[in-house]
Amino acid sequence: MIKLTTSTGEVQYIAPTAIISVRVAGVNAQYRDIRAYVTSIDGTFIECEETAEETAEETAEEIVKEMP
């Protein structure tokens, strides 16, 4: 599971295989502690404090761990 912290401080856990996109947040969003936008397969949109690079890297690591 990937741990994401929302812009309101809420912690969410999401399966790495449920993430379909991770985008870098713009400069204006970063002033509000939003570093990345994560979209899941069910359409859930998460504004998170982790950077897009951190999230993508952690997602890839978790997927590799799950491989036989």
C-alpha atoms as a PDB file:
ATOM      1  CA  MET A   1       0.000   0.000   0.000  1.00  0.00           C
ATOM      2  CA  ILE A   2       1.096   3.547  -0.705  1.00  0.00           C
ATOM      3  CA  LYS A   3       0.657   6.142   2.029  1.00  0.00           C
ATOM      4  CA  LEU A   4      -0.595   9.529   0.845  1.00  0.00           C
ATOM      5  CA  THR A   5      -1.172  12.617   2.975  1.00  0.00           C
ATOM      6  CA  THR A   6      -3.887  14.918   1.669  1.00  0.00           C
ATOM      7  CA  SER A   7      -3.686  18.690   1.725  1.00  0.00           C
ATOM      8  CA  THR A   8      -5.934  18.632   4.824  1.00  0.00           C
ATOM      9  CA  GLY A   9      -3.558  16.307   6.680  1.00  0.00           C
ATOM     10  CA  GLU A  10      -5.676  13.171   6.268  1.00  0.00           C
ATOM     11  CA  VAL A  11      -3.662   9.989   5.668  1.00  0.00           C
ATOM     12  CA  GLN A  12      -4.909   7.632   2.964  1.00  0.00           C
ATOM     13  CA  TYR A  13      -3.553   4.278   1.854  1.00  0.00           C
ATOM     14  CA  ILE A  14      -4.002   3.161  -1.730  1.00  0.00           C
ATOM     15  CA  ALA A  15      -2.940   0.019  -3.550  1.00  0.00           C
ATOM     16  CA  PRO A  16      -0.156   0.779  -6.026  1.00  0.00           C
ATOM     17  CA  THR A  17      -2.013  -1.066  -8.783  1.00  0.00           C
ATOM     18  CA  ALA A  18      -5.013   1.244  -8.254  1.00  0.00           C
ATOM     19  CA  ILE A  19      -3.047   4.364  -9.241  1.00  0.00           C
ATOM     20  CA  ILE A  20      -3.477   5.348 -12.877  1.00  0.00           C
ATOM     21  CA  SER A  21      -1.750   8.715 -12.874  1.00  0.00           C
ATOM     22  CA  VAL A  22       0.474  10.955 -10.777  1.00  0.00           C
ATOM     23  CA  ARG A  23       0.892  14.575 -11.836  1.00  0.00           C
ATOM     24  CA  VAL A  24       3.059  17.366 -10.507  1.00  0.00           C
ATOM     25  CA  ALA A  25       1.024  20.160  -8.921  1.00  0.00           C
ATOM     26  CA  GLY A  26       1.487  23.689 -10.180  1.00  0.00           C
ATOM     27  CA  VAL A  27       3.195  26.475  -8.271  1.00  0.00           C
ATOM     28  CA  ASN A  28      -0.067  27.935  -6.938  1.00  0.00           C
ATOM     29  CA  ALA A  29      -1.145  24.577  -5.517  1.00  0.00           C
ATOM     30  CA  GLN A  30       2.244  24.099  -3.867  1.00  0.00           C
ATOM     31  CA  TYR A  31       1.616  27.183  -1.730  1.00  0.00           C
ATOM     32  CA  ARG A  32      -1.251  25.152  -0.213  1.00  0.00           C
ATOM     33  CA  ASP A  33       1.059  22.146   0.433  1.00  0.00           C
ATOM     34  CA  ILE A  34      -0.262  20.228  -2.568  1.00  0.00           C
ATOM     35  CA  ARG A  35       2.727  18.659  -4.337  1.00  0.00           C
ATOM     36  CA  ALA A  36       1.019  16.082  -6.561  1.00  0.00           C
ATOM     37  CA  TYR A  37      -2.322  14.963  -7.932  1.00  0.00           C
ATOM     38  CA  VAL A  38      -3.031  11.223  -7.830  1.00  0.00           C
ATOM     39  CA  THR A  39      -5.889   9.642  -9.774  1.00  0.00           C
ATOM     40  CA  SER A  40      -7.072   6.116  -9.005  1.00  0.00           C
ATOM     41  CA  ILE A  41      -8.802   3.579 -11.240  1.00  0.00           C
ATOM     42  CA  ASP A  42     -12.185   4.386  -9.673  1.00  0.00           C
ATOM     43  CA  GLY A  43     -11.775   8.075 -10.503  1.00  0.00           C
ATOM     44  CA  THR A  44     -10.815   9.216  -7.010  1.00  0.00           C
ATOM     45  CA  PHE A  45      -8.711  12.370  -7.219  1.00  0.00           C
ATOM     46  CA  ILE A  46      -6.261  12.964  -4.355  1.00  0.00           C
ATOM     47  CA  GLU A  47      -4.332  16.180  -3.763  1.00  0.00           C
ATOM     48  CA  CYS A  48      -1.329  15.051  -1.746  1.00  0.00           C
ATOM     49  CA  GLU A  49       1.626  16.523   0.112  1.00  0.00           C
ATOM     50  CA  GLU A  50       4.111  13.965  -1.252  1.00  0.00           C
ATOM     51  CA  THR A  51       5.849  14.927  -4.484  1.00  0.00           C
ATOM     52  CA  ALA A  52       4.940  13.233  -7.749  1.00  0.00           C
ATOM     53  CA  GLU A  53       8.452  11.776  -7.906  1.00  0.00           C
ATOM     54  CA  GLU A  54       8.182  10.267  -4.403  1.00  0.00           C
ATOM     55  CA  THR A  55       4.762   8.806  -5.155  1.00  0.00           C
ATOM     56  CA  ALA A  56       5.777   7.363  -8.527  1.00  0.00           C
ATOM     57  CA  GLU A  57       8.955   5.872  -7.075  1.00  0.00           C
ATOM     58  CA  GLU A  58       7.145   4.300  -4.116  1.00  0.00           C
ATOM     59  CA  THR A  59       4.437   2.949  -6.444  1.00  0.00           C
ATOM     60  CA  ALA A  60       7.020   1.297  -8.687  1.00  0.00           C
ATOM     61  CA  GLU A  61       8.842  -0.210  -5.681  1.00  0.00           C
ATOM     62  CA  GLU A  62       5.616  -1.684  -4.308  1.00  0.00           C
ATOM     63  CA  ILE A  63       4.629  -3.155  -7.672  1.00  0.00           C
ATOM     64  CA  VAL A  64       8.036  -4.815  -8.020  1.00  0.00           C
ATOM     65  CA  LYS A  65       7.665  -6.312  -4.522  1.00  0.00           C
ATOM     66  CA  GLU A  66       4.355  -7.888  -5.559  1.00  0.00           C
ATOM     67  CA  MET A  67       5.865  -9.615  -8.598  1.00  0.00           C
ATOM     68  CA  PRO A  68       6.574 -13.340  -8.255  1.00  0.00           C
END
